[in-house]
Amino acid sequence: MRIPSKKECYRLMCEMEMLDHIVQHSLQVGRVASFLVDRLTLLDVRLHRELIQAAALLHDITKTRSFQTGENHAVTGAEFLTDLGYPEVADLVRQHVRLDIYFAEESPDEAEVVNYADKRVLHDKVVTLDQRMGYILAKYGKAPDHQERLRWLWEKSELMEDRIFSDLPFLPEEINRFMNPEDGAKEFDRYQKVCARLSVSTK
């Protein structure tokens, strides 16, 4: 299994010219996903941390482009990563909006963690699931059929949250207690430095 390192993820994000606010969102999703993996691993839930981290960082890799093209960024992001030789990462990216199968395994799997982490980050802030899903419904649920699909997704996400947190020693809304804002700022700074070096090397 080939998995890009964090530095390689940053390089891909730079090359795709992702908008800064989408980068900051992706970095925060990566932080939430990694935090959950570490806590679930303590409960003997077997998860591939590097795979989850890469997919969380790259889940919106084609989203900036999609504003112009109208493409489905979950699908095209997966295609982009498959072409680069990262099919396992691509599979999680493809499912970050909606899972292929919900709750197929007894314990949460990698796709669930990435999907759920994305549902907990609004722009660059960790928020409650209701806040995030309420925002999605307001922004994308104008048509009745869209509303129906999004409410179904909200329901599934609530069940996913219950699964993930069933044995964790804290509540979902308490994640922010463990998320140091300074760490997020430092990570964005590291990303910018990778971009700066990439820009110099291509001149």
C-alpha atoms as a PDB file:
ATOM      1  CA  MET A   1       0.000   0.000   0.000  1.00  0.00           C
ATOM      2  CA  ARG A   2       1.415   3.387  -1.037  1.00  0.00           C
ATOM      3  CA  ILE A   3       0.520   6.288   1.240  1.00  0.00           C
ATOM      4  CA  PRO A   4       1.823   9.839   0.777  1.00  0.00           C
ATOM      5  CA  SER A   5       3.611  11.349   3.764  1.00  0.00           C
ATOM      6  CA  LYS A   6       2.251  14.505   5.356  1.00  0.00           C
ATOM      7  CA  LYS A   7       4.887  16.518   3.495  1.00  0.00           C
ATOM      8  CA  GLU A   8       3.891  14.875   0.214  1.00  0.00           C
ATOM      9  CA  CYS A   9       0.231  15.671   0.949  1.00  0.00           C
ATOM     10  CA  TYR A  10       1.189  19.309   1.448  1.00  0.00           C
ATOM     11  CA  ARG A  11       3.065  19.282  -1.856  1.00  0.00           C
ATOM     12  CA  LEU A  12       0.038  17.897  -3.703  1.00  0.00           C
ATOM     13  CA  MET A  13      -2.207  20.514  -2.094  1.00  0.00           C
ATOM     14  CA  CYS A  14       0.206  23.251  -3.206  1.00  0.00           C
ATOM     15  CA  GLU A  15       0.405  21.915  -6.743  1.00  0.00           C
ATOM     16  CA  MET A  16      -3.393  21.829  -6.972  1.00  0.00           C
ATOM     17  CA  GLU A  17      -3.449  25.493  -5.882  1.00  0.00           C
ATOM     18  CA  MET A  18      -6.034  24.863  -3.201  1.00  0.00           C
ATOM     19  CA  LEU A  19      -7.581  27.999  -1.731  1.00  0.00           C
ATOM     20  CA  ASP A  20      -6.216  28.799   1.722  1.00  0.00           C
ATOM     21  CA  HIS A  21      -9.543  28.384   3.487  1.00  0.00           C
ATOM     22  CA  ILE A  22      -9.942  24.894   1.978  1.00  0.00           C
ATOM     23  CA  VAL A  23      -6.395  24.040   3.042  1.00  0.00           C
ATOM     24  CA  GLN A  24      -7.133  25.203   6.586  1.00  0.00           C
ATOM     25  CA  HIS A  25     -10.316  23.122   6.612  1.00  0.00           C
ATOM     26  CA  SER A  26      -8.387  20.072   5.383  1.00  0.00           C
ATOM     27  CA  LEU A  27      -5.647  20.495   7.972  1.00  0.00           C
ATOM     28  CA  GLN A  28      -8.243  20.697  10.716  1.00  0.00           C
ATOM     29  CA  VAL A  29     -10.034  17.585   9.434  1.00  0.00           C
ATOM     30  CA  GLY A  30      -6.656  15.844   9.491  1.00  0.00           C
ATOM     31  CA  ARG A  31      -6.132  16.877  13.105  1.00  0.00           C
ATOM     32  CA  VAL A  32      -9.577  15.664  14.198  1.00  0.00           C
ATOM     33  CA  ALA A  33      -9.168  12.371  12.343  1.00  0.00           C
ATOM     34  CA  SER A  34      -5.712  11.742  13.826  1.00  0.00           C
ATOM     35  CA  PHE A  35      -6.974  12.577  17.319  1.00  0.00           C
ATOM     36  CA  LEU A  36      -9.839  10.096  16.977  1.00  0.00           C
ATOM     37  CA  VAL A  37      -7.547   7.375  15.647  1.00  0.00           C
ATOM     38  CA  ASP A  38      -5.217   7.780  18.607  1.00  0.00           C
ATOM     39  CA  ARG A  39      -8.086   7.570  21.111  1.00  0.00           C
ATOM     40  CA  LEU A  40      -9.793   4.641  19.377  1.00  0.00           C
ATOM     41  CA  THR A  41      -6.498   2.750  19.145  1.00  0.00           C
ATOM     42  CA  LEU A  42      -6.269   2.895  22.941  1.00  0.00           C
ATOM     43  CA  LEU A  43      -9.542   0.932  22.938  1.00  0.00           C
ATOM     44  CA  ASP A  44      -8.010  -1.714  20.646  1.00  0.00           C
ATOM     45  CA  VAL A  45      -9.861  -0.517  17.553  1.00  0.00           C
ATOM     46  CA  ARG A  46      -7.492  -1.389  14.707  1.00  0.00           C
ATOM     47  CA  LEU A  47      -7.088   1.521  12.313  1.00  0.00           C
ATOM     48  CA  HIS A  48      -4.397   2.553   9.819  1.00  0.00           C
ATOM     49  CA  ARG A  49      -3.324   5.958  11.121  1.00  0.00           C
ATOM     50  CA  GLU A  50      -1.187   7.028   8.139  1.00  0.00           C
ATOM     51  CA  LEU A  51      -3.901   6.061   5.662  1.00  0.00           C
ATOM     52  CA  ILE A  52      -6.518   8.039   7.577  1.00  0.00           C
ATOM     53  CA  GLN A  53      -4.260  11.064   7.962  1.00  0.00           C
ATOM     54  CA  ALA A  54      -3.432  11.195   4.229  1.00  0.00           C
ATOM     55  CA  ALA A  55      -7.078  10.793   3.183  1.00  0.00           C
ATOM     56  CA  ALA A  56      -8.215  13.453   5.663  1.00  0.00           C
ATOM     57  CA  LEU A  57      -5.628  15.934   4.386  1.00  0.00           C
ATOM     58  CA  LEU A  58      -6.428  15.208   0.734  1.00  0.00           C
ATOM     59  CA  HIS A  59     -10.203  14.768   0.909  1.00  0.00           C
ATOM     60  CA  ASP A  60     -10.822  18.147  -0.793  1.00  0.00           C
ATOM     61  CA  ILE A  61      -7.870  17.969  -3.194  1.00  0.00           C
ATOM     62  CA  THR A  62      -9.996  18.895  -6.256  1.00  0.00           C
ATOM     63  CA  LYS A  63     -12.551  21.090  -4.495  1.00  0.00           C
ATOM     64  CA  THR A  64     -10.957  24.411  -5.511  1.00  0.00           C
ATOM     65  CA  ARG A  65     -11.077  23.308  -9.137  1.00  0.00           C
ATOM     66  CA  SER A  66     -14.676  22.168  -8.746  1.00  0.00           C
ATOM     67  CA  PHE A  67     -15.842  25.752  -8.189  1.00  0.00           C
ATOM     68  CA  GLN A  68     -15.068  26.379 -11.862  1.00  0.00           C
ATOM     69  CA  THR A  69     -15.890  22.975 -13.338  1.00  0.00           C
ATOM     70  CA  GLY A  70     -18.885  21.891 -11.243  1.00  0.00           C
ATOM     71  CA  GLU A  71     -17.314  18.439 -10.892  1.00  0.00           C
ATOM     72  CA  ASN A  72     -18.073  16.078  -8.012  1.00  0.00           C
ATOM     73  CA  HIS A  73     -14.919  16.690  -5.989  1.00  0.00           C
ATOM     74  CA  ALA A  74     -15.215  13.446  -4.022  1.00  0.00           C
ATOM     75  CA  VAL A  75     -15.190  11.447  -7.263  1.00  0.00           C
ATOM     76  CA  THR A  76     -12.550  13.465  -9.092  1.00  0.00           C
ATOM     77  CA  GLY A  77     -10.354  13.666  -5.998  1.00  0.00           C
ATOM     78  CA  ALA A  78     -10.383   9.876  -5.875  1.00  0.00           C
ATOM     79  CA  GLU A  79      -9.585   9.636  -9.585  1.00  0.00           C
ATOM     80  CA  PHE A  80      -6.705  12.078  -9.187  1.00  0.00           C
ATOM     81  CA  LEU A  81      -5.171  10.077  -6.335  1.00  0.00           C
ATOM     82  CA  THR A  82      -5.722   6.740  -8.082  1.00  0.00           C
ATOM     83  CA  ASP A  83      -3.820   8.057 -11.099  1.00  0.00           C
ATOM     84  CA  LEU A  84      -0.955   8.990  -8.756  1.00  0.00           C
ATOM     85  CA  GLY A  85      -0.811   5.435  -7.437  1.00  0.00           C
ATOM     86  CA  TYR A  86      -2.677   5.881  -4.135  1.00  0.00           C
ATOM     87  CA  PRO A  87      -5.823   3.744  -4.631  1.00  0.00           C
ATOM     88  CA  GLU A  88      -6.417   3.056  -0.937  1.00  0.00           C
ATOM     89  CA  VAL A  89      -6.249   6.758  -0.075  1.00  0.00           C
ATOM     90  CA  ALA A  90      -8.463   7.471  -3.080  1.00  0.00           C
ATOM     91  CA  ASP A  91     -11.105   5.046  -1.828  1.00  0.00           C
ATOM     92  CA  LEU A  92     -11.449   6.965   1.445  1.00  0.00           C
ATOM     93  CA  VAL A  93     -11.498  10.322  -0.338  1.00  0.00           C
ATOM     94  CA  ARG A  94     -14.300   9.093  -2.595  1.00  0.00           C
ATOM     95  CA  GLN A  95     -16.364   8.247   0.496  1.00  0.00           C
ATOM     96  CA  HIS A  96     -15.766  11.414   2.510  1.00  0.00           C
ATOM     97  CA  VAL A  97     -19.197  12.853   1.660  1.00  0.00           C
ATOM     98  CA  ARG A  98     -21.177   9.618   1.758  1.00  0.00           C
ATOM     99  CA  LEU A  99     -20.007   6.131   2.641  1.00  0.00           C
ATOM    100  CA  ASP A 100     -20.531   3.233   0.256  1.00  0.00           C
ATOM    101  CA  ILE A 101     -21.833   1.081   3.108  1.00  0.00           C
ATOM    102  CA  TYR A 102     -22.714   2.287   6.574  1.00  0.00           C
ATOM    103  CA  PHE A 103     -21.629   0.220   9.563  1.00  0.00           C
ATOM    104  CA  ALA A 104     -20.461  -2.832   7.660  1.00  0.00           C
ATOM    105  CA  GLU A 105     -18.024  -3.734  10.437  1.00  0.00           C
ATOM    106  CA  GLU A 106     -18.524  -4.076  14.166  1.00  0.00           C
ATOM    107  CA  SER A 107     -16.059  -1.247  14.862  1.00  0.00           C
ATOM    108  CA  PRO A 108     -15.553   2.061  13.024  1.00  0.00           C
ATOM    109  CA  ASP A 109     -13.273   1.742  10.004  1.00  0.00           C
ATOM    110  CA  GLU A 110     -10.961   4.174   8.215  1.00  0.00           C
ATOM    111  CA  ALA A 111     -13.640   5.485   5.858  1.00  0.00           C
ATOM    112  CA  GLU A 112     -15.948   6.262   8.782  1.00  0.00           C
ATOM    113  CA  VAL A 113     -13.275   8.190  10.668  1.00  0.00           C
ATOM    114  CA  VAL A 114     -12.422  10.387   7.668  1.00  0.00           C
ATOM    115  CA  ASN A 115     -16.089  10.922   6.814  1.00  0.00           C
ATOM    116  CA  TYR A 116     -16.969  11.807  10.403  1.00  0.00           C
ATOM    117  CA  ALA A 117     -13.959  14.098  10.903  1.00  0.00           C
ATOM    118  CA  ASP A 118     -15.048  16.106   7.863  1.00  0.00           C
ATOM    119  CA  LYS A 119     -18.545  16.363   9.354  1.00  0.00           C
ATOM    120  CA  ARG A 120     -17.090  17.960  12.486  1.00  0.00           C
ATOM    121  CA  VAL A 121     -15.179  20.814  10.817  1.00  0.00           C
ATOM    122  CA  LEU A 122     -16.976  23.911   9.529  1.00  0.00           C
ATOM    123  CA  HIS A 123     -14.503  25.961   7.535  1.00  0.00           C
ATOM    124  CA  ASP A 124     -11.508  25.744   9.912  1.00  0.00           C
ATOM    125  CA  LYS A 125     -13.402  25.363  13.206  1.00  0.00           C
ATOM    126  CA  VAL A 126     -14.294  22.184  15.064  1.00  0.00           C
ATOM    127  CA  VAL A 127     -18.050  22.372  15.666  1.00  0.00           C
ATOM    128  CA  THR A 128     -20.828  20.032  16.750  1.00  0.00           C
ATOM    129  CA  LEU A 129     -22.301  17.642  14.238  1.00  0.00           C
ATOM    130  CA  ASP A 130     -25.605  19.530  14.351  1.00  0.00           C
ATOM    131  CA  GLN A 131     -23.880  22.829  13.546  1.00  0.00           C
ATOM    132  CA  ARG A 132     -22.011  21.349  10.590  1.00  0.00           C
ATOM    133  CA  MET A 133     -24.948  19.407   9.168  1.00  0.00           C
ATOM    134  CA  GLY A 134     -27.265  22.383   9.716  1.00  0.00           C
ATOM    135  CA  TYR A 135     -24.872  24.504   7.658  1.00  0.00           C
ATOM    136  CA  ILE A 136     -24.767  21.879   4.879  1.00  0.00           C
ATOM    137  CA  LEU A 137     -28.566  21.635   4.826  1.00  0.00           C
ATOM    138  CA  ALA A 138     -28.937  25.421   4.620  1.00  0.00           C
ATOM    139  CA  LYS A 139     -26.308  25.779   1.889  1.00  0.00           C
ATOM    140  CA  TYR A 140     -27.100  22.764  -0.292  1.00  0.00           C
ATOM    141  CA  GLY A 141     -30.654  21.784   0.639  1.00  0.00           C
ATOM    142  CA  LYS A 142     -32.633  24.276  -1.434  1.00  0.00           C
ATOM    143  CA  ALA A 143     -34.408  21.654  -3.538  1.00  0.00           C
ATOM    144  CA  PRO A 144     -36.775  19.217  -1.759  1.00  0.00           C
ATOM    145  CA  ASP A 145     -34.930  16.139  -3.074  1.00  0.00           C
ATOM    146  CA  HIS A 146     -31.632  17.587  -1.820  1.00  0.00           C
ATOM    147  CA  GLN A 147     -33.205  18.204   1.582  1.00  0.00           C
ATOM    148  CA  GLU A 148     -34.343  14.599   1.780  1.00  0.00           C
ATOM    149  CA  ARG A 149     -30.886  13.238   0.930  1.00  0.00           C
ATOM    150  CA  LEU A 150     -29.158  15.585   3.355  1.00  0.00           C
ATOM    151  CA  ARG A 151     -31.524  14.728   6.204  1.00  0.00           C
ATOM    152  CA  TRP A 152     -30.844  11.038   5.541  1.00  0.00           C
ATOM    153  CA  LEU A 153     -27.117  11.805   5.631  1.00  0.00           C
ATOM    154  CA  TRP A 154     -27.537  13.743   8.882  1.00  0.00           C
ATOM    155  CA  GLU A 155     -29.310  10.752  10.421  1.00  0.00           C
ATOM    156  CA  LYS A 156     -26.547   8.380   9.343  1.00  0.00           C
ATOM    157  CA  SER A 157     -23.906  10.775  10.660  1.00  0.00           C
ATOM    158  CA  GLU A 158     -25.581  10.848  14.071  1.00  0.00           C
ATOM    159  CA  LEU A 159     -25.509   7.052  14.188  1.00  0.00           C
ATOM    160  CA  MET A 160     -21.849   7.141  13.139  1.00  0.00           C
ATOM    161  CA  GLU A 161     -21.068   9.568  15.949  1.00  0.00           C
ATOM    162  CA  ASP A 162     -22.753   7.252  18.458  1.00  0.00           C
ATOM    163  CA  ARG A 163     -20.630   4.322  17.198  1.00  0.00           C
ATOM    164  CA  ILE A 164     -17.353   6.228  17.326  1.00  0.00           C
ATOM    165  CA  PHE A 165     -17.936   7.652  20.800  1.00  0.00           C
ATOM    166  CA  SER A 166     -19.685   4.674  22.389  1.00  0.00           C
ATOM    167  CA  ASP A 167     -16.620   3.689  24.443  1.00  0.00           C
ATOM    168  CA  LEU A 168     -14.597   6.909  24.424  1.00  0.00           C
ATOM    169  CA  PRO A 169     -14.271   8.636  27.834  1.00  0.00           C
ATOM    170  CA  PHE A 170     -15.513  12.015  26.594  1.00  0.00           C
ATOM    171  CA  LEU A 171     -18.463  13.422  24.674  1.00  0.00           C
ATOM    172  CA  PRO A 172     -18.377  14.427  20.986  1.00  0.00           C
ATOM    173  CA  GLU A 173     -18.735  18.114  21.833  1.00  0.00           C
ATOM    174  CA  GLU A 174     -15.669  17.916  24.086  1.00  0.00           C
ATOM    175  CA  ILE A 175     -13.195  17.385  21.235  1.00  0.00           C
ATOM    176  CA  ASN A 176     -12.398  21.095  21.254  1.00  0.00           C
ATOM    177  CA  ARG A 177     -10.849  20.702  24.701  1.00  0.00           C
ATOM    178  CA  PHE A 178      -8.086  18.678  23.046  1.00  0.00           C
ATOM    179  CA  MET A 179      -7.657  20.827  19.930  1.00  0.00           C
ATOM    180  CA  ASN A 180      -4.989  23.476  20.595  1.00  0.00           C
ATOM    181  CA  PRO A 181      -5.540  26.361  18.099  1.00  0.00           C
ATOM    182  CA  GLU A 182      -1.805  27.067  18.092  1.00  0.00           C
ATOM    183  CA  ASP A 183      -1.126  23.585  16.730  1.00  0.00           C
ATOM    184  CA  GLY A 184      -3.435  24.277  13.783  1.00  0.00           C
ATOM    185  CA  ALA A 185      -1.675  27.564  13.065  1.00  0.00           C
ATOM    186  CA  LYS A 186       1.722  25.841  13.186  1.00  0.00           C
ATOM    187  CA  GLU A 187       0.562  23.190  10.758  1.00  0.00           C
ATOM    188  CA  PHE A 188      -0.659  25.815   8.282  1.00  0.00           C
ATOM    189  CA  ASP A 189       2.721  27.524   8.609  1.00  0.00           C
ATOM    190  CA  ARG A 190       4.479  24.239   7.774  1.00  0.00           C
ATOM    191  CA  TYR A 191       2.207  23.819   4.755  1.00  0.00           C
ATOM    192  CA  GLN A 192       3.067  27.334   3.536  1.00  0.00           C
ATOM    193  CA  LYS A 193       6.781  26.624   3.867  1.00  0.00           C
ATOM    194  CA  VAL A 194       6.423  23.530   1.688  1.00  0.00           C
ATOM    195  CA  CYS A 195       4.605  25.666  -0.904  1.00  0.00           C
ATOM    196  CA  ALA A 196       7.303  28.319  -0.757  1.00  0.00           C
ATOM    197  CA  ARG A 197      10.078  25.771  -1.336  1.00  0.00           C
ATOM    198  CA  LEU A 198       8.080  24.219  -4.175  1.00  0.00           C
ATOM    199  CA  SER A 199       7.626  27.632  -5.791  1.00  0.00           C
ATOM    200  CA  VAL A 200      11.365  28.349  -5.624  1.00  0.00           C
ATOM    201  CA  SER A 201      12.288  24.947  -7.054  1.00  0.00           C
ATOM    202  CA  THR A 202       9.998  25.370 -10.074  1.00  0.00           C
ATOM    203  CA  LYS A 203      11.304  28.806 -11.081  1.00  0.00           C
END
